[in-house]
Amino acid sequence: MRQRVKRDLTVIAGVVVVLALIIFLNYNVGRTALAKKKDLERRGYEDARQSEGMEILKWHHMRDTEGSLRSGPTFSEDLKKWNNKQVNVIGFMVPENEFREMKEFMLLPLPLECYFCNRPPVKDVMVVHMAEGTTTNPYEQAVMINGVLRLHEGPNQTSFYSIEHAALEAAEKGARLQRRYIPPEHMVPQHTNEVVLEEPMDFGEDLIDPESDS
């Protein structure tokens, strides 16, 4: 009798493990598919804006950056050419400390529900400071930021780069931006995934073929 119960428990445990593995794989496949979809979406907006004759700063310039916040970044020569110049860059908004009428926020190449739950590599984070006297709300869709690029050289930085005196509009020309809902649990300052358990999106290398144009 005991052997039978033991055998049944072993079978049940095996089934649970298999189901957990299936759920885990499905979740990660879906997450990767979403990241690829949003990556393609952003690239499409970049190409469309370029076709209008607009110069776009693309994320592969930032992703060539090496180093850490403590030691300081090493920028590529291509990115240095943009320093202290007016640029246009397309990405997804992520609030940090303000959640409406924001004076500053983070811009990422892929959407992220919460920076503190899913911290991306620092080279994928652009800090945006709105123009004096202006604020913005967070939006669901990709946005195009226009402002002055600042590269932060030297050790002990809080970010690698920022956009100053920024204005924004929808990345898709003529589109209407939809305000983003921020769940209350993500408004707790400096919280971590101990509050909200989530897996981060892949913010590693480009998800599609590397961009070769400048």
N, C-alpha and C. Protein backbone atom coordinates (compact mmCIF):
# COMPACT_ATOMS: atom_id res chain seq x y z
N MET A 1 0.83 -1.20 0.00
CA MET A 1 0.00 0.00 0.00
C MET A 1 0.88 1.27 0.00
N ARG A 2 1.90 1.25 0.89
CA ARG A 2 2.78 2.39 0.95
C ARG A 2 3.54 2.59 -0.35
N GLN A 3 3.95 1.49 -0.97
CA GLN A 3 4.67 1.59 -2.23
C GLN A 3 3.79 2.18 -3.31
N ARG A 4 2.51 1.82 -3.29
CA ARG A 4 1.58 2.35 -4.29
C ARG A 4 1.39 3.85 -4.12
N VAL A 5 1.23 4.27 -2.84
CA VAL A 5 1.06 5.69 -2.56
C VAL A 5 2.31 6.46 -2.98
N LYS A 6 3.48 5.88 -2.67
CA LYS A 6 4.74 6.51 -3.03
C LYS A 6 4.86 6.65 -4.54
N ARG A 7 4.45 5.59 -5.28
CA ARG A 7 4.51 5.62 -6.73
C ARG A 7 3.56 6.67 -7.30
N ASP A 8 2.37 6.76 -6.73
CA ASP A 8 1.39 7.75 -7.20
C ASP A 8 1.89 9.17 -6.96
N LEU A 9 2.51 9.39 -5.80
CA LEU A 9 3.04 10.71 -5.50
C LEU A 9 4.17 11.09 -6.45
N THR A 10 4.98 10.10 -6.79
CA THR A 10 6.08 10.34 -7.73
C THR A 10 5.54 10.73 -9.10
N VAL A 11 4.48 10.03 -9.54
CA VAL A 11 3.85 10.35 -10.83
C VAL A 11 3.27 11.76 -10.82
N ILE A 12 2.58 12.11 -9.73
CA ILE A 12 1.98 13.45 -9.62
C ILE A 12 3.06 14.52 -9.65
N ALA A 13 4.16 14.26 -8.90
CA ALA A 13 5.26 15.23 -8.88
C ALA A 13 5.85 15.41 -10.27
N GLY A 14 5.97 14.31 -11.01
CA GLY A 14 6.50 14.39 -12.37
C GLY A 14 5.61 15.20 -13.28
N VAL A 15 4.30 15.01 -13.14
CA VAL A 15 3.33 15.76 -13.96
C VAL A 15 3.43 17.25 -13.65
N VAL A 16 3.55 17.57 -12.36
CA VAL A 16 3.65 18.98 -11.96
C VAL A 16 4.90 19.62 -12.56
N VAL A 17 6.00 18.92 -12.52
CA VAL A 17 7.26 19.44 -13.08
C VAL A 17 7.11 19.68 -14.58
N VAL A 18 6.51 18.72 -15.29
CA VAL A 18 6.33 18.86 -16.73
C VAL A 18 5.44 20.06 -17.05
N LEU A 19 4.33 20.21 -16.31
CA LEU A 19 3.42 21.33 -16.55
C LEU A 19 4.13 22.67 -16.27
N ALA A 20 4.92 22.71 -15.20
CA ALA A 20 5.65 23.94 -14.88
C ALA A 20 6.64 24.29 -15.99
N LEU A 21 7.30 23.28 -16.53
CA LEU A 21 8.25 23.50 -17.62
C LEU A 21 7.54 24.02 -18.86
N ILE A 22 6.39 23.46 -19.17
CA ILE A 22 5.62 23.90 -20.35
C ILE A 22 5.20 25.36 -20.19
N ILE A 23 4.71 25.72 -19.00
CA ILE A 23 4.28 27.10 -18.73
C ILE A 23 5.46 28.06 -18.86
N PHE A 24 6.59 27.64 -18.29
CA PHE A 24 7.80 28.48 -18.35
C PHE A 24 8.24 28.71 -19.79
N LEU A 25 8.26 27.65 -20.60
CA LEU A 25 8.69 27.77 -21.98
C LEU A 25 7.72 28.63 -22.79
N ASN A 26 6.42 28.43 -22.58
CA ASN A 26 5.42 29.23 -23.30
C ASN A 26 5.54 30.70 -22.95
N TYR A 27 5.78 30.99 -21.67
CA TYR A 27 5.92 32.37 -21.23
C TYR A 27 7.11 33.04 -21.90
N ASN A 28 8.25 32.34 -21.90
CA ASN A 28 9.46 32.93 -22.47
C ASN A 28 9.38 33.06 -23.98
N VAL A 29 8.74 32.10 -24.65
CA VAL A 29 8.56 32.21 -26.09
C VAL A 29 7.68 33.41 -26.42
N GLY A 30 6.59 33.58 -25.63
CA GLY A 30 5.71 34.71 -25.85
C GLY A 30 6.39 36.04 -25.59
N ARG A 31 7.21 36.09 -24.55
CA ARG A 31 7.94 37.31 -24.20
C ARG A 31 8.93 37.68 -25.29
N THR A 32 9.64 36.68 -25.81
CA THR A 32 10.60 36.94 -26.88
C THR A 32 9.91 37.40 -28.15
N ALA A 33 8.75 36.79 -28.45
CA ALA A 33 7.99 37.19 -29.63
C ALA A 33 7.52 38.63 -29.52
N LEU A 34 7.08 39.03 -28.31
CA LEU A 34 6.64 40.41 -28.10
C LEU A 34 7.81 41.38 -28.27
N ALA A 35 8.98 41.01 -27.73
CA ALA A 35 10.15 41.87 -27.86
C ALA A 35 10.53 42.05 -29.32
N LYS A 36 10.49 40.97 -30.10
CA LYS A 36 10.82 41.07 -31.52
C LYS A 36 9.80 41.94 -32.25
N LYS A 37 8.53 41.78 -31.88
CA LYS A 37 7.48 42.58 -32.51
C LYS A 37 7.70 44.08 -32.25
N LYS A 38 8.01 44.43 -31.01
CA LYS A 38 8.22 45.83 -30.66
C LYS A 38 9.52 46.37 -31.26
N ASP A 39 10.52 45.52 -31.37
CA ASP A 39 11.78 45.92 -32.00
C ASP A 39 11.54 46.27 -33.47
N LEU A 40 10.78 45.41 -34.16
CA LEU A 40 10.45 45.66 -35.56
C LEU A 40 9.58 46.91 -35.70
N GLU A 41 8.68 47.10 -34.75
CA GLU A 41 7.80 48.27 -34.78
C GLU A 41 8.62 49.55 -34.68
N ARG A 42 9.56 49.59 -33.74
CA ARG A 42 10.40 50.78 -33.58
C ARG A 42 11.24 51.03 -34.83
N ARG A 43 11.81 49.98 -35.38
CA ARG A 43 12.63 50.13 -36.58
C ARG A 43 11.80 50.64 -37.76
N GLY A 44 10.55 50.19 -37.83
CA GLY A 44 9.67 50.66 -38.89
C GLY A 44 9.42 52.15 -38.80
N TYR A 45 9.21 52.64 -37.57
CA TYR A 45 9.01 54.07 -37.38
C TYR A 45 10.29 54.85 -37.73
N GLU A 46 11.44 54.29 -37.35
CA GLU A 46 12.71 54.95 -37.68
C GLU A 46 12.88 55.07 -39.19
N ASP A 47 12.61 53.98 -39.90
CA ASP A 47 12.76 53.99 -41.36
C ASP A 47 11.77 54.96 -42.01
N ALA A 48 10.54 55.00 -41.48
CA ALA A 48 9.52 55.89 -42.05
C ALA A 48 9.93 57.35 -41.88
N ARG A 49 10.43 57.68 -40.71
CA ARG A 49 10.87 59.06 -40.46
C ARG A 49 12.08 59.42 -41.32
N GLN A 50 12.99 58.47 -41.49
CA GLN A 50 14.15 58.73 -42.35
C GLN A 50 13.73 58.95 -43.79
N SER A 51 12.70 58.23 -44.23
CA SER A 51 12.23 58.39 -45.61
C SER A 51 11.67 59.78 -45.86
N GLU A 52 11.29 60.47 -44.75
CA GLU A 52 10.81 61.84 -44.86
C GLU A 52 11.96 62.84 -44.89
N GLY A 53 13.21 62.32 -44.79
CA GLY A 53 14.37 63.20 -44.78
C GLY A 53 14.83 63.59 -43.40
N MET A 54 14.27 62.95 -42.36
CA MET A 54 14.63 63.27 -40.98
C MET A 54 15.81 62.41 -40.54
N GLU A 55 16.77 63.01 -39.83
CA GLU A 55 17.91 62.26 -39.32
C GLU A 55 17.54 61.65 -37.98
N ILE A 56 17.76 60.34 -37.83
CA ILE A 56 17.37 59.61 -36.62
C ILE A 56 18.61 59.01 -35.96
N LEU A 57 18.76 59.25 -34.66
CA LEU A 57 19.79 58.58 -33.87
C LEU A 57 19.25 57.20 -33.49
N LYS A 58 19.92 56.14 -33.96
CA LYS A 58 19.42 54.78 -33.73
C LYS A 58 20.12 54.12 -32.55
N TRP A 59 19.46 53.11 -32.00
CA TRP A 59 19.93 52.51 -30.76
C TRP A 59 21.22 51.72 -30.91
N HIS A 60 21.59 51.31 -32.10
CA HIS A 60 22.84 50.56 -32.23
C HIS A 60 24.04 51.45 -31.89
N HIS A 61 23.89 52.77 -32.04
CA HIS A 61 24.96 53.69 -31.63
C HIS A 61 25.17 53.60 -30.12
N MET A 62 24.06 53.56 -29.35
CA MET A 62 24.15 53.48 -27.90
C MET A 62 24.63 52.10 -27.45
N ARG A 63 24.21 51.07 -28.17
CA ARG A 63 24.54 49.71 -27.75
C ARG A 63 26.00 49.34 -27.99
N ASP A 64 26.74 50.20 -28.68
CA ASP A 64 28.18 50.00 -28.84
C ASP A 64 28.96 50.53 -27.64
N THR A 65 28.24 51.19 -26.71
CA THR A 65 28.90 51.76 -25.53
C THR A 65 29.37 50.65 -24.59
N GLU A 66 30.56 50.81 -24.04
CA GLU A 66 31.12 49.85 -23.09
C GLU A 66 31.39 50.54 -21.77
N GLY A 67 31.63 49.73 -20.72
CA GLY A 67 31.94 50.29 -19.42
C GLY A 67 30.79 50.15 -18.44
N SER A 68 30.93 50.79 -17.30
CA SER A 68 29.91 50.75 -16.26
C SER A 68 29.72 52.14 -15.69
N LEU A 69 28.66 52.32 -14.90
CA LEU A 69 28.42 53.63 -14.29
C LEU A 69 29.56 54.00 -13.35
N ARG A 70 30.11 53.00 -12.65
CA ARG A 70 31.17 53.28 -11.70
C ARG A 70 32.48 53.66 -12.40
N SER A 71 32.85 52.87 -13.39
CA SER A 71 34.13 53.13 -14.08
C SER A 71 34.01 54.22 -15.13
N GLY A 72 32.80 54.41 -15.64
CA GLY A 72 32.58 55.38 -16.71
C GLY A 72 32.45 54.71 -18.06
N PRO A 73 31.66 55.28 -18.96
CA PRO A 73 31.42 54.68 -20.27
C PRO A 73 32.52 54.99 -21.28
N THR A 74 32.63 54.12 -22.27
CA THR A 74 33.47 54.36 -23.44
C THR A 74 32.56 54.39 -24.65
N PHE A 75 32.45 55.54 -25.28
CA PHE A 75 31.52 55.72 -26.39
C PHE A 75 32.22 55.46 -27.72
N SER A 76 31.45 54.98 -28.69
CA SER A 76 31.98 54.80 -30.04
C SER A 76 32.17 56.16 -30.69
N GLU A 77 33.03 56.21 -31.68
CA GLU A 77 33.26 57.47 -32.39
C GLU A 77 32.00 57.93 -33.10
N ASP A 78 31.21 56.98 -33.58
CA ASP A 78 29.95 57.34 -34.25
C ASP A 78 29.01 58.06 -33.30
N LEU A 79 28.93 57.59 -32.05
CA LEU A 79 28.03 58.24 -31.10
C LEU A 79 28.57 59.59 -30.67
N LYS A 80 29.88 59.72 -30.53
CA LYS A 80 30.47 60.99 -30.12
C LYS A 80 30.15 62.12 -31.10
N LYS A 81 29.94 61.77 -32.36
CA LYS A 81 29.61 62.79 -33.37
C LYS A 81 28.29 63.49 -33.07
N TRP A 82 27.42 62.80 -32.29
CA TRP A 82 26.11 63.36 -31.98
C TRP A 82 26.12 64.18 -30.69
N ASN A 83 27.20 64.14 -29.94
CA ASN A 83 27.23 64.79 -28.63
C ASN A 83 26.99 66.29 -28.74
N ASN A 84 26.11 66.79 -27.85
CA ASN A 84 25.76 68.21 -27.77
C ASN A 84 25.06 68.72 -29.03
N LYS A 85 24.47 67.81 -29.78
CA LYS A 85 23.73 68.20 -30.99
C LYS A 85 22.25 67.86 -30.84
N GLN A 86 21.45 68.55 -31.62
CA GLN A 86 20.02 68.27 -31.66
C GLN A 86 19.79 66.93 -32.35
N VAL A 87 19.06 66.03 -31.68
CA VAL A 87 18.85 64.70 -32.25
C VAL A 87 17.38 64.32 -32.18
N ASN A 88 17.02 63.33 -33.00
CA ASN A 88 15.71 62.67 -32.93
C ASN A 88 15.95 61.20 -32.62
N VAL A 89 15.31 60.69 -31.59
CA VAL A 89 15.47 59.29 -31.23
C VAL A 89 14.10 58.71 -30.88
N ILE A 90 13.85 57.49 -31.32
CA ILE A 90 12.56 56.83 -31.13
C ILE A 90 12.69 55.70 -30.12
N GLY A 91 11.75 55.64 -29.19
CA GLY A 91 11.78 54.58 -28.18
C GLY A 91 10.49 54.56 -27.38
N PHE A 92 10.54 53.84 -26.26
CA PHE A 92 9.37 53.65 -25.40
C PHE A 92 9.62 54.28 -24.04
N MET A 93 8.61 54.98 -23.53
CA MET A 93 8.73 55.73 -22.28
C MET A 93 8.59 54.80 -21.07
N VAL A 94 9.44 55.03 -20.08
CA VAL A 94 9.35 54.31 -18.80
C VAL A 94 9.51 55.33 -17.68
N PRO A 95 8.47 55.54 -16.85
CA PRO A 95 8.60 56.47 -15.73
C PRO A 95 9.60 55.96 -14.70
N GLU A 96 10.18 56.89 -13.95
CA GLU A 96 11.09 56.50 -12.87
C GLU A 96 10.53 56.95 -11.52
N ASN A 97 10.44 58.24 -11.30
CA ASN A 97 9.94 58.76 -10.03
C ASN A 97 8.64 59.53 -10.18
N GLU A 98 8.33 59.96 -11.38
CA GLU A 98 7.10 60.71 -11.65
C GLU A 98 6.23 59.87 -12.58
N PHE A 99 4.91 59.97 -12.42
CA PHE A 99 4.02 59.12 -13.19
C PHE A 99 2.95 59.91 -13.96
N ARG A 100 2.92 61.19 -13.80
CA ARG A 100 2.10 62.08 -14.61
C ARG A 100 2.72 63.47 -14.55
N GLU A 101 2.46 64.25 -15.59
CA GLU A 101 3.08 65.57 -15.69
C GLU A 101 4.57 65.47 -15.37
N MET A 102 5.22 64.56 -16.07
CA MET A 102 6.63 64.25 -15.80
C MET A 102 7.56 65.31 -16.40
N LYS A 103 8.55 65.68 -15.63
CA LYS A 103 9.61 66.56 -16.14
C LYS A 103 10.76 65.74 -16.72
N GLU A 104 10.86 64.48 -16.29
CA GLU A 104 11.88 63.59 -16.84
C GLU A 104 11.38 62.15 -16.78
N PHE A 105 11.97 61.32 -17.62
CA PHE A 105 11.61 59.90 -17.69
C PHE A 105 12.74 59.17 -18.41
N MET A 106 12.60 57.87 -18.54
CA MET A 106 13.59 57.08 -19.27
C MET A 106 13.02 56.64 -20.61
N LEU A 107 13.87 56.60 -21.60
CA LEU A 107 13.51 56.13 -22.93
C LEU A 107 14.32 54.87 -23.22
N LEU A 108 13.62 53.81 -23.66
CA LEU A 108 14.25 52.52 -23.92
C LEU A 108 13.93 52.05 -25.33
N PRO A 109 14.76 51.16 -25.90
CA PRO A 109 14.47 50.66 -27.25
C PRO A 109 13.33 49.67 -27.29
N LEU A 110 12.98 49.07 -26.14
CA LEU A 110 11.86 48.14 -26.04
C LEU A 110 10.98 48.56 -24.87
N PRO A 111 9.68 48.28 -24.93
CA PRO A 111 8.80 48.67 -23.83
C PRO A 111 9.07 47.85 -22.59
N LEU A 112 8.90 48.47 -21.44
CA LEU A 112 9.12 47.82 -20.16
C LEU A 112 8.06 48.33 -19.21
N GLU A 113 7.40 47.41 -18.51
CA GLU A 113 6.33 47.85 -17.61
C GLU A 113 6.88 48.65 -16.45
N CYS A 114 8.03 48.20 -15.94
CA CYS A 114 8.56 48.85 -14.74
C CYS A 114 10.08 48.72 -14.72
N TYR A 115 10.77 49.82 -14.57
CA TYR A 115 12.24 49.81 -14.56
C TYR A 115 12.77 49.04 -13.35
N PHE A 116 12.17 49.21 -12.19
CA PHE A 116 12.71 48.60 -10.98
C PHE A 116 12.47 47.10 -10.93
N CYS A 117 11.42 46.62 -11.61
CA CYS A 117 11.17 45.18 -11.65
C CYS A 117 12.04 44.48 -12.69
N ASN A 118 12.36 45.18 -13.76
CA ASN A 118 13.07 44.58 -14.89
C ASN A 118 14.18 45.52 -15.36
N ARG A 119 15.25 45.60 -14.62
CA ARG A 119 16.29 46.58 -14.95
C ARG A 119 17.03 46.18 -16.23
N PRO A 120 16.97 47.03 -17.25
CA PRO A 120 17.71 46.76 -18.49
C PRO A 120 19.17 47.18 -18.35
N PRO A 121 20.03 46.77 -19.27
CA PRO A 121 21.42 47.25 -19.24
C PRO A 121 21.46 48.78 -19.33
N VAL A 122 22.40 49.39 -18.65
CA VAL A 122 22.46 50.85 -18.59
C VAL A 122 22.64 51.45 -19.98
N LYS A 123 23.28 50.72 -20.91
CA LYS A 123 23.47 51.28 -22.26
C LYS A 123 22.18 51.34 -23.05
N ASP A 124 21.11 50.74 -22.53
CA ASP A 124 19.80 50.79 -23.17
C ASP A 124 18.87 51.78 -22.49
N VAL A 125 19.42 52.67 -21.68
CA VAL A 125 18.59 53.64 -20.95
C VAL A 125 19.02 55.06 -21.30
N MET A 126 18.10 55.80 -21.88
CA MET A 126 18.31 57.21 -22.20
C MET A 126 17.43 58.03 -21.24
N VAL A 127 18.05 58.90 -20.45
CA VAL A 127 17.29 59.76 -19.55
C VAL A 127 16.86 61.01 -20.32
N VAL A 128 15.57 61.32 -20.28
CA VAL A 128 15.02 62.43 -21.03
C VAL A 128 14.54 63.52 -20.08
N HIS A 129 15.02 64.74 -20.28
CA HIS A 129 14.59 65.90 -19.50
C HIS A 129 13.77 66.81 -20.42
N MET A 130 12.54 67.04 -20.05
CA MET A 130 11.67 67.86 -20.87
C MET A 130 12.14 69.32 -20.89
N ALA A 131 11.78 70.02 -21.95
CA ALA A 131 12.13 71.44 -22.06
C ALA A 131 11.55 72.21 -20.88
N GLU A 132 12.21 73.27 -20.49
CA GLU A 132 11.80 74.05 -19.33
C GLU A 132 10.35 74.52 -19.47
N GLY A 133 9.59 74.30 -18.41
CA GLY A 133 8.20 74.72 -18.40
C GLY A 133 7.23 73.74 -19.03
N THR A 134 7.73 72.59 -19.50
CA THR A 134 6.85 71.60 -20.12
C THR A 134 6.93 70.27 -19.36
N THR A 135 5.86 69.52 -19.41
CA THR A 135 5.79 68.19 -18.81
C THR A 135 5.08 67.26 -19.77
N THR A 136 5.08 65.97 -19.45
CA THR A 136 4.40 64.99 -20.28
C THR A 136 3.86 63.86 -19.41
N ASN A 137 2.90 63.15 -19.93
CA ASN A 137 2.42 61.93 -19.30
C ASN A 137 3.07 60.73 -19.99
N PRO A 138 3.12 59.57 -19.34
CA PRO A 138 3.65 58.39 -20.01
C PRO A 138 2.66 57.86 -21.03
N TYR A 139 3.15 57.38 -22.15
CA TYR A 139 2.30 56.88 -23.22
C TYR A 139 2.63 55.45 -23.58
N GLU A 140 1.62 54.74 -24.06
CA GLU A 140 1.77 53.33 -24.44
C GLU A 140 2.62 53.16 -25.69
N GLN A 141 2.39 54.00 -26.67
CA GLN A 141 3.03 53.83 -27.97
C GLN A 141 4.47 54.35 -27.97
N ALA A 142 5.20 53.96 -28.98
CA ALA A 142 6.54 54.50 -29.18
C ALA A 142 6.44 56.00 -29.45
N VAL A 143 7.41 56.75 -28.96
CA VAL A 143 7.43 58.19 -29.15
C VAL A 143 8.73 58.59 -29.83
N MET A 144 8.72 59.75 -30.45
CA MET A 144 9.95 60.33 -31.00
C MET A 144 10.32 61.53 -30.15
N ILE A 145 11.54 61.50 -29.64
CA ILE A 145 12.06 62.57 -28.79
C ILE A 145 12.99 63.46 -29.62
N ASN A 146 12.80 64.76 -29.49
CA ASN A 146 13.71 65.73 -30.11
C ASN A 146 14.33 66.56 -29.01
N GLY A 147 15.66 66.61 -28.97
CA GLY A 147 16.35 67.39 -27.96
C GLY A 147 17.84 67.31 -28.16
N VAL A 148 18.59 67.82 -27.21
CA VAL A 148 20.05 67.87 -27.29
C VAL A 148 20.65 66.67 -26.56
N LEU A 149 21.47 65.90 -27.26
CA LEU A 149 22.11 64.73 -26.68
C LEU A 149 23.31 65.15 -25.82
N ARG A 150 23.37 64.60 -24.61
CA ARG A 150 24.53 64.81 -23.74
C ARG A 150 25.13 63.44 -23.41
N LEU A 151 26.41 63.27 -23.69
CA LEU A 151 27.15 62.07 -23.31
C LEU A 151 27.85 62.33 -21.99
N HIS A 152 27.68 61.44 -21.03
CA HIS A 152 28.21 61.64 -19.69
C HIS A 152 29.49 60.82 -19.51
N GLU A 153 30.60 61.47 -19.66
CA GLU A 153 31.89 60.79 -19.59
C GLU A 153 32.44 60.85 -18.17
N GLY A 154 33.36 59.93 -17.87
CA GLY A 154 33.99 59.90 -16.56
C GLY A 154 33.30 58.92 -15.62
N PRO A 155 33.95 58.62 -14.49
CA PRO A 155 33.41 57.64 -13.54
C PRO A 155 32.25 58.18 -12.71
N ASN A 156 31.56 57.23 -12.05
CA ASN A 156 30.49 57.55 -11.10
C ASN A 156 29.37 58.38 -11.72
N GLN A 157 28.86 57.89 -12.85
CA GLN A 157 27.74 58.54 -13.53
C GLN A 157 26.42 57.92 -13.06
N THR A 158 25.34 58.65 -13.23
CA THR A 158 24.01 58.10 -12.96
C THR A 158 23.37 57.56 -14.24
N SER A 159 23.90 57.98 -15.38
CA SER A 159 23.45 57.45 -16.67
C SER A 159 24.54 57.70 -17.70
N PHE A 160 24.51 56.97 -18.79
CA PHE A 160 25.50 57.15 -19.86
C PHE A 160 25.18 58.36 -20.72
N TYR A 161 23.88 58.61 -20.93
CA TYR A 161 23.49 59.69 -21.83
C TYR A 161 22.11 60.21 -21.47
N SER A 162 21.85 61.43 -21.90
CA SER A 162 20.55 62.05 -21.65
C SER A 162 20.18 62.94 -22.82
N ILE A 163 18.91 63.26 -22.88
CA ILE A 163 18.39 64.24 -23.84
C ILE A 163 17.88 65.43 -23.05
N GLU A 164 18.38 66.60 -23.36
CA GLU A 164 17.99 67.82 -22.67
C GLU A 164 17.08 68.67 -23.57
N HIS A 165 16.27 69.51 -22.92
CA HIS A 165 15.37 70.45 -23.64
C HIS A 165 14.47 69.66 -24.61
N ALA A 166 13.90 68.57 -24.14
CA ALA A 166 13.20 67.64 -25.02
C ALA A 166 11.75 68.02 -25.28
N ALA A 167 11.32 67.67 -26.48
CA ALA A 167 9.91 67.69 -26.87
C ALA A 167 9.61 66.31 -27.45
N LEU A 168 8.34 65.91 -27.45
CA LEU A 168 8.03 64.59 -27.98
C LEU A 168 6.75 64.60 -28.79
N GLU A 169 6.63 63.59 -29.62
CA GLU A 169 5.42 63.34 -30.40
C GLU A 169 5.35 61.85 -30.69
N ALA A 170 4.25 61.40 -31.25
CA ALA A 170 4.12 59.99 -31.59
C ALA A 170 5.17 59.61 -32.63
N ALA A 171 5.77 58.43 -32.45
CA ALA A 171 6.76 57.96 -33.42
C ALA A 171 6.13 57.75 -34.78
N GLU A 172 4.89 57.28 -34.79
CA GLU A 172 4.15 57.12 -36.04
C GLU A 172 3.51 58.46 -36.39
N LYS A 173 3.90 59.01 -37.50
CA LYS A 173 3.45 60.34 -37.86
C LYS A 173 1.93 60.42 -37.91
N GLY A 174 1.39 61.41 -37.21
CA GLY A 174 -0.05 61.63 -37.21
C GLY A 174 -0.83 60.77 -36.24
N ALA A 175 -0.16 59.84 -35.53
CA ALA A 175 -0.86 58.95 -34.61
C ALA A 175 -1.25 59.69 -33.34
N ARG A 176 -2.28 59.20 -32.69
CA ARG A 176 -2.74 59.79 -31.43
C ARG A 176 -2.18 58.95 -30.29
N LEU A 177 -1.51 59.60 -29.35
CA LEU A 177 -0.91 58.89 -28.23
C LEU A 177 -1.94 58.56 -27.16
N GLN A 178 -1.84 57.35 -26.63
CA GLN A 178 -2.73 56.88 -25.58
C GLN A 178 -1.99 56.87 -24.25
N ARG A 179 -2.55 57.52 -23.25
CA ARG A 179 -1.91 57.58 -21.95
C ARG A 179 -1.78 56.19 -21.34
N ARG A 180 -0.67 55.94 -20.73
CA ARG A 180 -0.38 54.63 -20.17
C ARG A 180 -0.85 54.53 -18.72
N TYR A 181 -1.45 53.40 -18.38
CA TYR A 181 -1.86 53.16 -17.00
C TYR A 181 -0.70 52.52 -16.24
N ILE A 182 -0.36 53.08 -15.09
CA ILE A 182 0.71 52.55 -14.25
C ILE A 182 0.08 51.91 -13.02
N PRO A 183 0.20 50.58 -12.84
CA PRO A 183 -0.36 49.93 -11.64
C PRO A 183 0.24 50.52 -10.37
N PRO A 184 -0.56 50.64 -9.31
CA PRO A 184 -0.07 51.26 -8.07
C PRO A 184 1.17 50.59 -7.50
N GLU A 185 1.29 49.26 -7.66
CA GLU A 185 2.46 48.58 -7.08
C GLU A 185 3.77 49.01 -7.72
N HIS A 186 3.67 49.57 -8.94
CA HIS A 186 4.88 50.03 -9.61
C HIS A 186 5.22 51.48 -9.28
N MET A 187 4.41 52.11 -8.44
CA MET A 187 4.66 53.49 -8.06
C MET A 187 5.45 53.60 -6.76
N VAL A 188 5.78 52.46 -6.14
CA VAL A 188 6.56 52.47 -4.91
C VAL A 188 8.00 52.78 -5.26
N PRO A 189 8.59 53.84 -4.73
CA PRO A 189 9.97 54.22 -5.10
C PRO A 189 10.97 53.10 -4.84
N GLN A 190 11.82 52.85 -5.83
CA GLN A 190 12.93 51.92 -5.71
C GLN A 190 12.50 50.50 -5.35
N HIS A 191 11.27 50.10 -5.70
CA HIS A 191 10.87 48.72 -5.42
C HIS A 191 11.57 47.78 -6.38
N THR A 192 11.51 46.50 -6.08
CA THR A 192 12.17 45.49 -6.90
C THR A 192 11.18 44.41 -7.26
N ASN A 193 11.65 43.37 -7.95
CA ASN A 193 10.77 42.28 -8.31
C ASN A 193 10.41 41.41 -7.11
N GLU A 194 10.85 41.81 -5.91
CA GLU A 194 10.33 41.17 -4.71
C GLU A 194 8.90 41.62 -4.46
N VAL A 195 8.54 42.78 -5.03
CA VAL A 195 7.17 43.27 -4.92
C VAL A 195 6.32 42.70 -6.06
N VAL A 196 6.82 42.77 -7.28
CA VAL A 196 6.13 42.25 -8.45
C VAL A 196 7.06 41.29 -9.16
N LEU A 197 6.71 40.03 -9.17
CA LEU A 197 7.59 39.03 -9.75
C LEU A 197 7.38 38.97 -11.25
N GLU A 198 8.36 39.46 -11.99
CA GLU A 198 8.29 39.46 -13.44
C GLU A 198 9.64 39.12 -14.01
N GLU A 199 9.66 38.50 -15.18
CA GLU A 199 10.91 38.23 -15.88
C GLU A 199 11.21 39.42 -16.80
N PRO A 200 12.45 39.87 -16.88
CA PRO A 200 12.77 40.99 -17.76
C PRO A 200 12.76 40.59 -19.21
N MET A 201 12.47 41.55 -20.07
CA MET A 201 12.62 41.30 -21.50
C MET A 201 14.10 41.23 -21.84
N ASP A 202 14.38 40.66 -22.98
CA ASP A 202 15.77 40.57 -23.43
C ASP A 202 16.20 41.91 -23.98
N PHE A 203 17.08 42.60 -23.24
CA PHE A 203 17.61 43.87 -23.70
C PHE A 203 19.07 43.73 -24.09
N GLY A 204 19.44 42.55 -24.57
CA GLY A 204 20.81 42.31 -24.96
C GLY A 204 21.11 42.90 -26.32
N GLU A 205 21.60 42.09 -27.23
CA GLU A 205 21.91 42.58 -28.57
C GLU A 205 20.63 42.78 -29.36
N ASP A 206 20.75 43.41 -30.53
CA ASP A 206 19.59 43.61 -31.38
C ASP A 206 18.90 42.29 -31.64
N LEU A 207 17.58 42.31 -31.61
CA LEU A 207 16.82 41.08 -31.77
C LEU A 207 16.75 40.64 -33.23
N ILE A 208 16.88 41.59 -34.14
CA ILE A 208 16.88 41.28 -35.56
C ILE A 208 18.31 41.43 -36.05
N ASP A 209 18.53 41.48 -37.35
CA ASP A 209 19.87 41.67 -37.86
C ASP A 209 20.42 43.01 -37.40
N PRO A 210 21.70 43.10 -37.07
CA PRO A 210 22.28 44.37 -36.62
C PRO A 210 22.07 45.47 -37.67
N GLU A 211 21.82 46.67 -37.18
CA GLU A 211 21.60 47.81 -38.09
C GLU A 211 22.94 48.27 -38.62
N SER A 212 23.03 48.41 -39.91
CA SER A 212 24.30 48.79 -40.52
C SER A 212 24.31 50.25 -40.95
N ASP A 213 23.11 50.87 -41.04
CA ASP A 213 23.08 52.27 -41.47
C ASP A 213 23.34 53.17 -40.29
N SER A 214 23.71 54.40 -40.55
CA SER A 214 24.04 55.34 -39.46
C SER A 214 22.86 56.24 -39.18
